[in-house]
């Protein structure tokens, strides 16, 4: 086997392994959560094939960085923080809320760098 063919095979195998690792991380998230994220991302960024790829990549990166439980916690704090006034202040300003939302924001920033 010549070196060029070997390099193509090695590169394809590496890409396949990377895909499998990302798919495994994303598989820890329920399909409905993945679909909801991609749908919202596409609504915000454009409803075309390119955005489908980028938004799918984004949730895969997030799933690779933070656990599903941490994602749910952060999303809950984020949504409950939208409640106006004193009722939502706990969800915006408590230490656990800030830590969870910071984790999610950092994962989303990394996803933006890698996918967009």
PDB file of N, CA and C in Angstrom:
ATOM      1  N   UNK A   1       0.863  -1.174   0.000  1.00  0.00           N
ATOM      2  CA  UNK A   1       0.000   0.000   0.000  1.00  0.00           C
ATOM      3  C   UNK A   1       0.905   1.231   0.000  1.00  0.00           C
ATOM      4  N   UNK A   2       0.589   2.187  -0.870  1.00  0.00           N
ATOM      5  CA  UNK A   2       1.429   3.380  -0.898  1.00  0.00           C
ATOM      6  C   UNK A   2       1.068   4.321   0.255  1.00  0.00           C
ATOM      7  N   UNK A   3       1.966   5.249   0.525  1.00  0.00           N
ATOM      8  CA  UNK A   3       1.835   6.141   1.677  1.00  0.00           C
ATOM      9  C   UNK A   3       0.604   7.047   1.570  1.00  0.00           C
ATOM     10  N   UNK A   4       0.290   7.555   0.399  1.00  0.00           N
ATOM     11  CA  UNK A   4      -0.860   8.441   0.225  1.00  0.00           C
ATOM     12  C   UNK A   4      -2.161   7.715   0.550  1.00  0.00           C
ATOM     13  N   UNK A   5      -2.281   6.481   0.069  1.00  0.00           N
ATOM     14  CA  UNK A   5      -3.490   5.702   0.356  1.00  0.00           C
ATOM     15  C   UNK A   5      -3.589   5.409   1.845  1.00  0.00           C
ATOM     16  N   UNK A   6      -2.475   5.071   2.463  1.00  0.00           N
ATOM     17  CA  UNK A   6      -2.456   4.813   3.902  1.00  0.00           C
ATOM     18  C   UNK A   6      -2.898   6.052   4.679  1.00  0.00           C
ATOM     19  N   UNK A   7      -2.408   7.224   4.271  1.00  0.00           N
ATOM     20  CA  UNK A   7      -2.762   8.468   4.956  1.00  0.00           C
ATOM     21  C   UNK A   7      -4.254   8.771   4.811  1.00  0.00           C
ATOM     22  N   UNK A   8      -4.827   8.522   3.634  1.00  0.00           N
ATOM     23  CA  UNK A   8      -6.273   8.739   3.442  1.00  0.00           C
ATOM     24  C   UNK A   8      -7.077   7.825   4.342  1.00  0.00           C
ATOM     25  N   UNK A   9      -6.682   6.574   4.450  1.00  0.00           N
ATOM     26  CA  UNK A   9      -7.383   5.612   5.300  1.00  0.00           C
ATOM     27  C   UNK A   9      -7.254   6.011   6.767  1.00  0.00           C
ATOM     28  N   UNK A  10      -6.054   6.405   7.173  1.00  0.00           N
ATOM     29  CA  UNK A  10      -5.831   6.822   8.563  1.00  0.00           C
ATOM     30  C   UNK A  10      -6.650   8.057   8.900  1.00  0.00           C
ATOM     31  N   UNK A  11      -6.704   9.013   7.978  1.00  0.00           N
ATOM     32  CA  UNK A  11      -7.489  10.227   8.190  1.00  0.00           C
ATOM     33  C   UNK A  11      -8.970   9.907   8.296  1.00  0.00           C
ATOM     34  N   UNK A  12      -9.462   9.039   7.434  1.00  0.00           N
ATOM     35  CA  UNK A  12     -10.874   8.640   7.481  1.00  0.00           C
ATOM     36  C   UNK A  12     -11.195   7.932   8.786  1.00  0.00           C
ATOM     37  N   UNK A  13     -10.302   7.071   9.246  1.00  0.00           N
ATOM     38  CA  UNK A  13     -10.523   6.361  10.508  1.00  0.00           C
ATOM     39  C   UNK A  13     -10.535   7.329  11.683  1.00  0.00           C
ATOM     40  N   UNK A  14      -9.644   8.310  11.676  1.00  0.00           N
ATOM     41  CA  UNK A  14      -9.597   9.311  12.743  1.00  0.00           C
ATOM     42  C   UNK A  14     -10.877  10.131  12.763  1.00  0.00           C
ATOM     43  N   UNK A  15     -11.325  10.549  11.597  1.00  0.00           N
ATOM     44  CA  UNK A  15     -12.574  11.322  11.514  1.00  0.00           C
ATOM     45  C   UNK A  15     -13.750  10.499  12.011  1.00  0.00           C
ATOM     46  N   UNK A  16     -13.771   9.228  11.667  1.00  0.00           N
ATOM     47  CA  UNK A  16     -14.847   8.342  12.102  1.00  0.00           C
ATOM     48  C   UNK A  16     -14.861   8.199  13.615  1.00  0.00           C
ATOM     49  N   UNK A  17     -13.685   8.045  14.211  1.00  0.00           N
ATOM     50  CA  UNK A  17     -13.598   7.931  15.673  1.00  0.00           C
ATOM     51  C   UNK A  17     -14.040   9.217  16.351  1.00  0.00           C
ATOM     52  N   UNK A  18     -13.644  10.356  15.804  1.00  0.00           N
ATOM     53  CA  UNK A  18     -14.053  11.633  16.375  1.00  0.00           C
ATOM     54  C   UNK A  18     -15.567  11.785  16.308  1.00  0.00           C
ATOM     55  N   UNK A  19     -16.159  11.391  15.168  1.00  0.00           N
ATOM     56  CA  UNK A  19     -17.607  11.453  15.021  1.00  0.00           C
ATOM     57  C   UNK A  19     -18.289  10.554  16.043  1.00  0.00           C
ATOM     58  N   UNK A  20     -17.784   9.350  16.222  1.00  0.00           N
ATOM     59  CA  UNK A  20     -18.375   8.407  17.168  1.00  0.00           C
ATOM     60  C   UNK A  20     -18.301   8.936  18.590  1.00  0.00           C
ATOM     61  N   UNK A  21     -17.195   9.578  18.958  1.00  0.00           N
ATOM     62  CA  UNK A  21     -17.054  10.126  20.310  1.00  0.00           C
ATOM     63  C   UNK A  21     -18.066  11.241  20.529  1.00  0.00           C
ATOM     64  N   UNK A  22     -18.236  12.114  19.519  1.00  0.00           N
ATOM     65  CA  UNK A  22     -19.204  13.200  19.635  1.00  0.00           C
ATOM     66  C   UNK A  22     -20.625  12.643  19.667  1.00  0.00           C
ATOM     67  N   UNK A  23     -20.909  11.684  18.819  1.00  0.00           N
ATOM     68  CA  UNK A  23     -22.242  11.081  18.791  1.00  0.00           C
ATOM     69  C   UNK A  23     -22.554  10.398  20.113  1.00  0.00           C
ATOM     70  N   UNK A  24     -21.552   9.778  20.727  1.00  0.00           N
ATOM     71  CA  UNK A  24     -21.762   9.123  22.019  1.00  0.00           C
ATOM     72  C   UNK A  24     -22.118  10.159  23.092  1.00  0.00           C
ATOM     73  N   UNK A  25     -21.415  11.298  23.104  1.00  0.00           N
ATOM     74  CA  UNK A  25     -21.713  12.345  24.073  1.00  0.00           C
ATOM     75  C   UNK A  25     -23.128  12.872  23.858  1.00  0.00           C
ATOM     76  N   UNK A  26     -23.493  13.122  22.606  1.00  0.00           N
ATOM     77  CA  UNK A  26     -24.824  13.635  22.308  1.00  0.00           C
ATOM     78  C   UNK A  26     -25.899  12.607  22.615  1.00  0.00           C
ATOM     79  N   UNK A  27     -25.555  11.314  22.540  1.00  0.00           N
ATOM     80  CA  UNK A  27     -26.566  10.291  22.803  1.00  0.00           C
ATOM     81  C   UNK A  27     -26.983  10.262  24.266  1.00  0.00           C
ATOM     82  N   UNK A  28     -26.216  10.916  25.132  1.00  0.00           N
ATOM     83  CA  UNK A  28     -26.616  11.024  26.535  1.00  0.00           C
ATOM     84  C   UNK A  28     -27.750  12.030  26.715  1.00  0.00           C
ATOM     85  N   UNK A  29     -27.967  12.851  25.720  1.00  0.00           N
ATOM     86  CA  UNK A  29     -29.056  13.812  25.735  1.00  0.00           C
ATOM     87  C   UNK A  29     -30.241  13.157  25.022  1.00  0.00           C
ATOM     88  N   UNK A  30     -31.446  13.303  25.557  1.00  0.00           N
ATOM     89  CA  UNK A  30     -32.624  12.750  24.858  1.00  0.00           C
ATOM     90  C   UNK A  30     -32.791  13.379  23.470  1.00  0.00           C
ATOM     91  N   UNK A  31     -33.285  12.618  22.553  1.00  0.00           N
ATOM     92  CA  UNK A  31     -33.463  13.078  21.173  1.00  0.00           C
ATOM     93  C   UNK A  31     -34.326  14.333  21.123  1.00  0.00           C
ATOM     94  N   UNK A  32     -35.357  14.415  21.948  1.00  0.00           N
ATOM     95  CA  UNK A  32     -36.222  15.600  21.925  1.00  0.00           C
ATOM     96  C   UNK A  32     -35.452  16.854  22.318  1.00  0.00           C
ATOM     97  N   UNK A  33     -34.513  16.742  23.246  1.00  0.00           N
ATOM     98  CA  UNK A  33     -33.709  17.892  23.657  1.00  0.00           C
ATOM     99  C   UNK A  33     -32.788  18.312  22.519  1.00  0.00           C
ATOM    100  N   UNK A  34     -32.170  17.340  21.865  1.00  0.00           N
ATOM    101  CA  UNK A  34     -31.307  17.640  20.725  1.00  0.00           C
ATOM    102  C   UNK A  34     -32.105  18.336  19.625  1.00  0.00           C
ATOM    103  N   UNK A  35     -33.277  17.789  19.312  1.00  0.00           N
ATOM    104  CA  UNK A  35     -34.124  18.353  18.257  1.00  0.00           C
ATOM    105  C   UNK A  35     -34.598  19.750  18.625  1.00  0.00           C
ATOM    106  N   UNK A  36     -34.984  19.949  19.874  1.00  0.00           N
ATOM    107  CA  UNK A  36     -35.455  21.265  20.318  1.00  0.00           C
ATOM    108  C   UNK A  36     -34.342  22.307  20.192  1.00  0.00           C
ATOM    109  N   UNK A  37     -33.129  21.929  20.585  1.00  0.00           N
ATOM    110  CA  UNK A  37     -31.997  22.850  20.480  1.00  0.00           C
ATOM    111  C   UNK A  37     -31.743  23.217  19.018  1.00  0.00           C
ATOM    112  N   UNK A  38     -31.679  22.210  18.157  1.00  0.00           N
ATOM    113  CA  UNK A  38     -31.403  22.448  16.738  1.00  0.00           C
ATOM    114  C   UNK A  38     -32.511  23.306  16.127  1.00  0.00           C
ATOM    115  N   UNK A  39     -33.753  23.022  16.457  1.00  0.00           N
ATOM    116  CA  UNK A  39     -34.880  23.795  15.944  1.00  0.00           C
ATOM    117  C   UNK A  39     -34.754  25.268  16.356  1.00  0.00           C
ATOM    118  N   UNK A  40     -34.516  25.517  17.633  1.00  0.00           N
ATOM    119  CA  UNK A  40     -34.373  26.893  18.122  1.00  0.00           C
ATOM    120  C   UNK A  40     -33.184  27.602  17.496  1.00  0.00           C
ATOM    121  N   UNK A  41     -32.092  26.890  17.366  1.00  0.00           N
ATOM    122  CA  UNK A  41     -30.882  27.443  16.756  1.00  0.00           C
ATOM    123  C   UNK A  41     -31.153  27.829  15.305  1.00  0.00           C
ATOM    124  N   UNK A  42     -31.834  26.960  14.581  1.00  0.00           N
ATOM    125  CA  UNK A  42     -32.136  27.250  13.182  1.00  0.00           C
ATOM    126  C   UNK A  42     -33.123  28.409  13.053  1.00  0.00           C
ATOM    127  N   UNK A  43     -34.083  28.509  13.941  1.00  0.00           N
ATOM    128  CA  UNK A  43     -35.034  29.621  13.922  1.00  0.00           C
ATOM    129  C   UNK A  43     -34.296  30.944  14.116  1.00  0.00           C
ATOM    130  N   UNK A  44     -33.268  30.923  14.963  1.00  0.00           N
ATOM    131  CA  UNK A  44     -32.526  32.146  15.260  1.00  0.00           C
ATOM    132  C   UNK A  44     -31.489  32.489  14.187  1.00  0.00           C
ATOM    133  N   UNK A  45     -30.975  31.488  13.477  1.00  0.00           N
ATOM    134  CA  UNK A  45     -29.844  31.713  12.586  1.00  0.00           C
ATOM    135  C   UNK A  45     -30.123  31.494  11.107  1.00  0.00           C
ATOM    136  N   UNK A  46     -31.234  30.897  10.792  1.00  0.00           N
ATOM    137  CA  UNK A  46     -31.546  30.626   9.386  1.00  0.00           C
ATOM    138  C   UNK A  46     -31.975  29.184   9.200  1.00  0.00           C
ATOM    139  N   UNK A  47     -32.965  29.010   8.387  1.00  0.00           N
ATOM    140  CA  UNK A  47     -33.532  27.678   8.179  1.00  0.00           C
ATOM    141  C   UNK A  47     -33.053  27.113   6.851  1.00  0.00           C
ATOM    142  N   UNK A  48     -31.809  26.661   6.838  1.00  0.00           N
ATOM    143  CA  UNK A  48     -31.244  26.066   5.637  1.00  0.00           C
ATOM    144  C   UNK A  48     -30.322  24.914   6.026  1.00  0.00           C
ATOM    145  N   UNK A  49     -29.838  24.222   5.042  1.00  0.00           N
ATOM    146  CA  UNK A  49     -29.018  23.027   5.265  1.00  0.00           C
ATOM    147  C   UNK A  49     -27.727  23.356   6.026  1.00  0.00           C
ATOM    148  N   UNK A  50     -27.113  24.479   5.692  1.00  0.00           N
ATOM    149  CA  UNK A  50     -25.882  24.885   6.371  1.00  0.00           C
ATOM    150  C   UNK A  50     -26.133  25.085   7.867  1.00  0.00           C
ATOM    151  N   UNK A  51     -27.226  25.750   8.199  1.00  0.00           N
ATOM    152  CA  UNK A  51     -27.539  25.980   9.619  1.00  0.00           C
ATOM    153  C   UNK A  51     -27.911  24.682  10.323  1.00  0.00           C
ATOM    154  N   UNK A  52     -28.538  23.759   9.614  1.00  0.00           N
ATOM    155  CA  UNK A  52     -28.827  22.453  10.200  1.00  0.00           C
ATOM    156  C   UNK A  52     -27.521  21.790  10.633  1.00  0.00           C
ATOM    157  N   UNK A  53     -26.523  21.821   9.764  1.00  0.00           N
ATOM    158  CA  UNK A  53     -25.223  21.231  10.092  1.00  0.00           C
ATOM    159  C   UNK A  53     -24.563  21.962  11.253  1.00  0.00           C
ATOM    160  N   UNK A  54     -24.579  23.286  11.218  1.00  0.00           N
ATOM    161  CA  UNK A  54     -23.917  24.080  12.255  1.00  0.00           C
ATOM    162  C   UNK A  54     -24.611  23.935  13.613  1.00  0.00           C
ATOM    163  N   UNK A  55     -25.927  23.951  13.609  1.00  0.00           N
ATOM    164  CA  UNK A  55     -26.676  23.828  14.862  1.00  0.00           C
ATOM    165  C   UNK A  55     -26.544  22.426  15.451  1.00  0.00           C
ATOM    166  N   UNK A  56     -26.536  21.420  14.596  1.00  0.00           N
ATOM    167  CA  UNK A  56     -26.322  20.047  15.064  1.00  0.00           C
ATOM    168  C   UNK A  56     -24.929  19.914  15.667  1.00  0.00           C
ATOM    169  N   UNK A  57     -23.953  20.502  15.014  1.00  0.00           N
ATOM    170  CA  UNK A  57     -22.589  20.505  15.534  1.00  0.00           C
ATOM    171  C   UNK A  57     -22.555  21.184  16.901  1.00  0.00           C
ATOM    172  N   UNK A  58     -23.255  22.280  17.032  1.00  0.00           N
ATOM    173  CA  UNK A  58     -23.264  23.064  18.258  1.00  0.00           C
ATOM    174  C   UNK A  58     -23.757  22.248  19.458  1.00  0.00           C
ATOM    175  N   UNK A  59     -24.879  21.575  19.310  1.00  0.00           N
ATOM    176  CA  UNK A  59     -25.397  20.791  20.440  1.00  0.00           C
ATOM    177  C   UNK A  59     -24.501  19.595  20.719  1.00  0.00           C
ATOM    178  N   UNK A  60     -23.860  19.056  19.698  1.00  0.00           N
ATOM    179  CA  UNK A  60     -22.920  17.960  19.915  1.00  0.00           C
ATOM    180  C   UNK A  60     -21.730  18.425  20.751  1.00  0.00           C
ATOM    181  N   UNK A  61     -21.227  19.617  20.467  1.00  0.00           N
ATOM    182  CA  UNK A  61     -20.105  20.169  21.237  1.00  0.00           C
ATOM    183  C   UNK A  61     -20.543  20.427  22.673  1.00  0.00           C
ATOM    184  N   UNK A  62     -21.714  21.013  22.846  1.00  0.00           N
ATOM    185  CA  UNK A  62     -22.227  21.279  24.194  1.00  0.00           C
ATOM    186  C   UNK A  62     -22.364  19.972  24.968  1.00  0.00           C
ATOM    187  N   UNK A  63     -22.906  18.953  24.313  1.00  0.00           N
ATOM    188  CA  UNK A  63     -23.075  17.640  24.971  1.00  0.00           C
ATOM    189  C   UNK A  63     -21.739  17.013  25.320  1.00  0.00           C
ATOM    190  N   UNK A  64     -20.724  17.332  24.552  1.00  0.00           N
ATOM    191  CA  UNK A  64     -19.387  16.814  24.824  1.00  0.00           C
ATOM    192  C   UNK A  64     -18.762  17.507  26.029  1.00  0.00           C
ATOM    193  N   UNK A  65     -19.156  18.759  26.282  1.00  0.00           N
ATOM    194  CA  UNK A  65     -18.540  19.560  27.339  1.00  0.00           C
ATOM    195  C   UNK A  65     -19.261  19.433  28.674  1.00  0.00           C
ATOM    196  N   UNK A  66     -20.598  19.490  28.655  1.00  0.00           N
ATOM    197  CA  UNK A  66     -21.336  19.411  29.923  1.00  0.00           C
ATOM    198  C   UNK A  66     -22.318  18.246  29.896  1.00  0.00           C
ATOM    199  N   UNK A  67     -22.540  17.686  31.054  1.00  0.00           N
ATOM    200  CA  UNK A  67     -23.454  16.545  31.169  1.00  0.00           C
ATOM    201  C   UNK A  67     -24.897  16.997  30.914  1.00  0.00           C
ATOM    202  N   UNK A  68     -25.737  16.037  30.617  1.00  0.00           N
ATOM    203  CA  UNK A  68     -27.144  16.351  30.392  1.00  0.00           C
ATOM    204  C   UNK A  68     -27.772  16.955  31.650  1.00  0.00           C
ATOM    205  N   UNK A  69     -27.451  16.413  32.808  1.00  0.00           N
ATOM    206  CA  UNK A  69     -28.010  16.949  34.055  1.00  0.00           C
ATOM    207  C   UNK A  69     -27.620  18.413  34.252  1.00  0.00           C
ATOM    208  N   UNK A  70     -26.350  18.735  33.952  1.00  0.00           N
ATOM    209  CA  UNK A  70     -25.887  20.120  34.091  1.00  0.00           C
ATOM    210  C   UNK A  70     -26.589  21.016  33.068  1.00  0.00           C
ATOM    211  N   UNK A  71     -26.813  20.501  31.882  1.00  0.00           N
ATOM    212  CA  UNK A  71     -27.518  21.249  30.839  1.00  0.00           C
ATOM    213  C   UNK A  71     -28.943  21.571  31.291  1.00  0.00           C
ATOM    214  N   UNK A  72     -29.626  20.572  31.829  1.00  0.00           N
ATOM    215  CA  UNK A  72     -31.001  20.783  32.293  1.00  0.00           C
ATOM    216  C   UNK A  72     -31.029  21.816  33.424  1.00  0.00           C
ATOM    217  N   UNK A  73     -30.095  21.712  34.355  1.00  0.00           N
ATOM    218  CA  UNK A  73     -30.021  22.670  35.462  1.00  0.00           C
ATOM    219  C   UNK A  73     -29.831  24.087  34.932  1.00  0.00           C
ATOM    220  N   UNK A  74     -28.888  24.253  34.013  1.00  0.00           N
ATOM    221  CA  UNK A  74     -28.601  25.579  33.466  1.00  0.00           C
ATOM    222  C   UNK A  74     -29.791  26.130  32.681  1.00  0.00           C
ATOM    223  N   UNK A  75     -30.406  25.293  31.859  1.00  0.00           N
ATOM    224  CA  UNK A  75     -31.568  25.729  31.088  1.00  0.00           C
ATOM    225  C   UNK A  75     -32.736  26.105  32.013  1.00  0.00           C
ATOM    226  N   UNK A  76     -32.905  25.358  33.087  1.00  0.00           N
ATOM    227  CA  UNK A  76     -33.974  25.657  34.044  1.00  0.00           C
ATOM    228  C   UNK A  76     -33.731  27.004  34.705  1.00  0.00           C
ATOM    229  N   UNK A  77     -32.516  27.229  35.181  1.00  0.00           N
ATOM    230  CA  UNK A  77     -32.189  28.526  35.782  1.00  0.00           C
ATOM    231  C   UNK A  77     -32.378  29.648  34.761  1.00  0.00           C
ATOM    232  N   UNK A  78     -31.968  29.409  33.531  1.00  0.00           N
ATOM    233  CA  UNK A  78     -32.091  30.427  32.484  1.00  0.00           C
ATOM    234  C   UNK A  78     -33.559  30.777  32.235  1.00  0.00           C
ATOM    235  N   UNK A  79     -34.404  29.764  32.097  1.00  0.00           N
ATOM    236  CA  UNK A  79     -35.831  30.002  31.830  1.00  0.00           C
ATOM    237  C   UNK A  79     -36.534  30.632  33.031  1.00  0.00           C
ATOM    238  N   UNK A  80     -36.231  30.116  34.223  1.00  0.00           N
ATOM    239  CA  UNK A  80     -36.878  30.662  35.421  1.00  0.00           C
ATOM    240  C   UNK A  80     -36.374  32.073  35.725  1.00  0.00           C
ATOM    241  N   UNK A  81     -35.171  32.383  35.301  1.00  0.00           N
ATOM    242  CA  UNK A  81     -34.631  33.723  35.482  1.00  0.00           C
ATOM    243  C   UNK A  81     -35.349  34.767  34.653  1.00  0.00           C
ATOM    244  N   UNK A  82     -36.120  34.335  33.687  1.00  0.00           N
ATOM    245  CA  UNK A  82     -36.902  35.268  32.867  1.00  0.00           C
ATOM    246  C   UNK A  82     -38.138  35.777  33.590  1.00  0.00           C
ATOM    247  N   UNK A  83     -38.500  35.124  34.688  1.00  0.00           N
ATOM    248  CA  UNK A  83     -39.645  35.574  35.489  1.00  0.00           C
ATOM    249  C   UNK A  83     -39.288  36.941  36.072  1.00  0.00           C
ATOM    250  N   UNK A  84     -40.122  37.946  35.857  1.00  0.00           N
ATOM    251  CA  UNK A  84     -39.766  39.290  36.319  1.00  0.00           C
ATOM    252  C   UNK A  84     -39.873  39.454  37.838  1.00  0.00           C
ATOM    253  N   UNK A  85     -39.162  40.452  38.328  1.00  0.00           N
ATOM    254  CA  UNK A  85     -39.258  40.845  39.726  1.00  0.00           C
ATOM    255  C   UNK A  85     -38.613  39.888  40.700  1.00  0.00           C
ATOM    256  N   UNK A  86     -39.111  39.945  41.944  1.00  0.00           N
ATOM    257  CA  UNK A  86     -38.547  39.147  43.031  1.00  0.00           C
ATOM    258  C   UNK A  86     -38.700  37.645  42.815  1.00  0.00           C
ATOM    259  N   UNK A  87     -39.721  37.250  42.102  1.00  0.00           N
ATOM    260  CA  UNK A  87     -39.954  35.819  41.889  1.00  0.00           C
ATOM    261  C   UNK A  87     -38.835  35.177  41.077  1.00  0.00           C
ATOM    262  N   UNK A  88     -38.203  35.918  40.199  1.00  0.00           N
ATOM    263  CA  UNK A  88     -37.153  35.355  39.365  1.00  0.00           C
ATOM    264  C   UNK A  88     -35.751  35.641  39.849  1.00  0.00           C
ATOM    265  N   UNK A  89     -35.618  36.490  40.885  1.00  0.00           N
ATOM    266  CA  UNK A  89     -34.290  36.906  41.332  1.00  0.00           C
ATOM    267  C   UNK A  89     -33.438  35.723  41.820  1.00  0.00           C
ATOM    268  N   UNK A  90     -34.027  34.769  42.495  1.00  0.00           N
ATOM    269  CA  UNK A  90     -33.297  33.598  42.977  1.00  0.00           C
ATOM    270  C   UNK A  90     -32.685  32.826  41.810  1.00  0.00           C
ATOM    271  N   UNK A  91     -33.405  32.776  40.701  1.00  0.00           N
ATOM    272  CA  UNK A  91     -32.948  32.029  39.533  1.00  0.00           C
ATOM    273  C   UNK A  91     -31.927  32.806  38.697  1.00  0.00           C
ATOM    274  N   UNK A  92     -31.797  34.107  38.987  1.00  0.00           N
ATOM    275  CA  UNK A  92     -30.824  34.921  38.267  1.00  0.00           C
ATOM    276  C   UNK A  92     -29.563  35.174  39.079  1.00  0.00           C
ATOM    277  N   UNK A  93     -29.705  35.320  40.404  1.00  0.00           N
ATOM    278  CA  UNK A  93     -28.597  35.838  41.192  1.00  0.00           C
ATOM    279  C   UNK A  93     -27.992  34.870  42.207  1.00  0.00           C
ATOM    280  N   UNK A  94     -28.566  33.709  42.401  1.00  0.00           N
ATOM    281  CA  UNK A  94     -27.979  32.775  43.366  1.00  0.00           C
ATOM    282  C   UNK A  94     -26.680  32.193  42.807  1.00  0.00           C
ATOM    283  N   UNK A  95     -25.811  31.758  43.703  1.00  0.00           N
ATOM    284  CA  UNK A  95     -24.532  31.169  43.285  1.00  0.00           C
ATOM    285  C   UNK A  95     -24.720  29.936  42.394  1.00  0.00           C
ATOM    286  N   UNK A  96     -25.638  29.011  42.755  1.00  0.00           N
ATOM    287  CA  UNK A  96     -25.831  27.860  41.862  1.00  0.00           C
ATOM    288  C   UNK A  96     -26.345  28.258  40.476  1.00  0.00           C
ATOM    289  N   UNK A  97     -27.215  29.258  40.427  1.00  0.00           N
ATOM    290  CA  UNK A  97     -27.749  29.718  39.143  1.00  0.00           C
ATOM    291  C   UNK A  97     -26.640  30.322  38.291  1.00  0.00           C
ATOM    292  N   UNK A  98     -25.822  31.159  38.900  1.00  0.00           N
ATOM    293  CA  UNK A  98     -24.724  31.782  38.164  1.00  0.00           C
ATOM    294  C   UNK A  98     -23.717  30.745  37.684  1.00  0.00           C
ATOM    295  N   UNK A  99     -23.396  29.772  38.518  1.00  0.00           N
ATOM    296  CA  UNK A  99     -22.427  28.739  38.135  1.00  0.00           C
ATOM    297  C   UNK A  99     -22.954  27.895  36.974  1.00  0.00           C
ATOM    298  N   UNK A 100     -24.205  27.486  37.069  1.00  0.00           N
ATOM    299  CA  UNK A 100     -24.782  26.639  36.017  1.00  0.00           C
ATOM    300  C   UNK A 100     -24.893  27.394  34.698  1.00  0.00           C
ATOM    301  N   UNK A 101     -25.352  28.631  34.744  1.00  0.00           N
ATOM    302  CA  UNK A 101     -25.492  29.395  33.502  1.00  0.00           C
ATOM    303  C   UNK A 101     -24.126  29.753  32.919  1.00  0.00           C
ATOM    304  N   UNK A 102     -23.141  29.962  33.769  1.00  0.00           N
ATOM    305  CA  UNK A 102     -21.778  30.211  33.278  1.00  0.00           C
ATOM    306  C   UNK A 102     -21.242  28.984  32.559  1.00  0.00           C
ATOM    307  N   UNK A 103     -21.472  27.807  33.126  1.00  0.00           N
ATOM    308  CA  UNK A 103     -21.040  26.564  32.470  1.00  0.00           C
ATOM    309  C   UNK A 103     -21.667  26.430  31.088  1.00  0.00           C
ATOM    310  N   UNK A 104     -22.963  26.707  31.001  1.00  0.00           N
ATOM    311  CA  UNK A 104     -23.664  26.598  29.724  1.00  0.00           C
ATOM    312  C   UNK A 104     -23.150  27.642  28.737  1.00  0.00           C
ATOM    313  N   UNK A 105     -22.943  28.861  29.187  1.00  0.00           N
ATOM    314  CA  UNK A 105     -22.447  29.920  28.302  1.00  0.00           C
ATOM    315  C   UNK A 105     -21.057  29.582  27.768  1.00  0.00           C
ATOM    316  N   UNK A 106     -20.211  29.013  28.628  1.00  0.00           N
ATOM    317  CA  UNK A 106     -18.876  28.630  28.178  1.00  0.00           C
ATOM    318  C   UNK A 106     -18.950  27.505  27.138  1.00  0.00           C
ATOM    319  N   UNK A 107     -19.831  26.544  27.367  1.00  0.00           N
ATOM    320  CA  UNK A 107     -20.003  25.446  26.403  1.00  0.00           C
ATOM    321  C   UNK A 107     -20.543  25.990  25.082  1.00  0.00           C
ATOM    322  N   UNK A 108     -21.486  26.925  25.163  1.00  0.00           N
ATOM    323  CA  UNK A 108     -22.035  27.522  23.943  1.00  0.00           C
ATOM    324  C   UNK A 108     -20.978  28.357  23.206  1.00  0.00           C
ATOM    325  N   UNK A 109     -20.131  29.036  23.941  1.00  0.00           N
ATOM    326  CA  UNK A 109     -19.065  29.817  23.307  1.00  0.00           C
ATOM    327  C   UNK A 109     -18.096  28.895  22.570  1.00  0.00           C
ATOM    328  N   UNK A 110     -17.748  27.783  23.191  1.00  0.00           N
ATOM    329  CA  UNK A 110     -16.877  26.815  22.538  1.00  0.00           C
ATOM    330  C   UNK A 110     -17.558  26.241  21.298  1.00  0.00           C
ATOM    331  N   UNK A 111     -18.855  25.960  21.403  1.00  0.00           N
ATOM    332  CA  UNK A 111     -19.607  25.447  20.262  1.00  0.00           C
ATOM    333  C   UNK A 111     -19.635  26.474  19.129  1.00  0.00           C
ATOM    334  N   UNK A 112     -19.776  27.743  19.460  1.00  0.00           N
ATOM    335  CA  UNK A 112     -19.752  28.798  18.438  1.00  0.00           C
ATOM    336  C   UNK A 112     -18.414  28.833  17.720  1.00  0.00           C
ATOM    337  N   UNK A 113     -17.338  28.697  18.474  1.00  0.00           N
ATOM    338  CA  UNK A 113     -15.999  28.710  17.876  1.00  0.00           C
ATOM    339  C   UNK A 113     -15.814  27.524  16.934  1.00  0.00           C
ATOM    340  N   UNK A 114     -16.240  26.350  17.372  1.00  0.00           N
ATOM    341  CA  UNK A 114     -16.027  25.147  16.576  1.00  0.00           C
ATOM    342  C   UNK A 114     -16.984  25.010  15.392  1.00  0.00           C
ATOM    343  N   UNK A 115     -18.189  25.520  15.533  1.00  0.00           N
ATOM    344  CA  UNK A 115     -19.236  25.216  14.546  1.00  0.00           C
ATOM    345  C   UNK A 115     -19.658  26.403  13.673  1.00  0.00           C
ATOM    346  N   UNK A 116     -19.436  27.601  14.135  1.00  0.00           N
ATOM    347  CA  UNK A 116     -19.911  28.768  13.373  1.00  0.00           C
ATOM    348  C   UNK A 116     -18.735  29.589  12.965  1.00  0.00           C
TER     349      UNK A 116
END
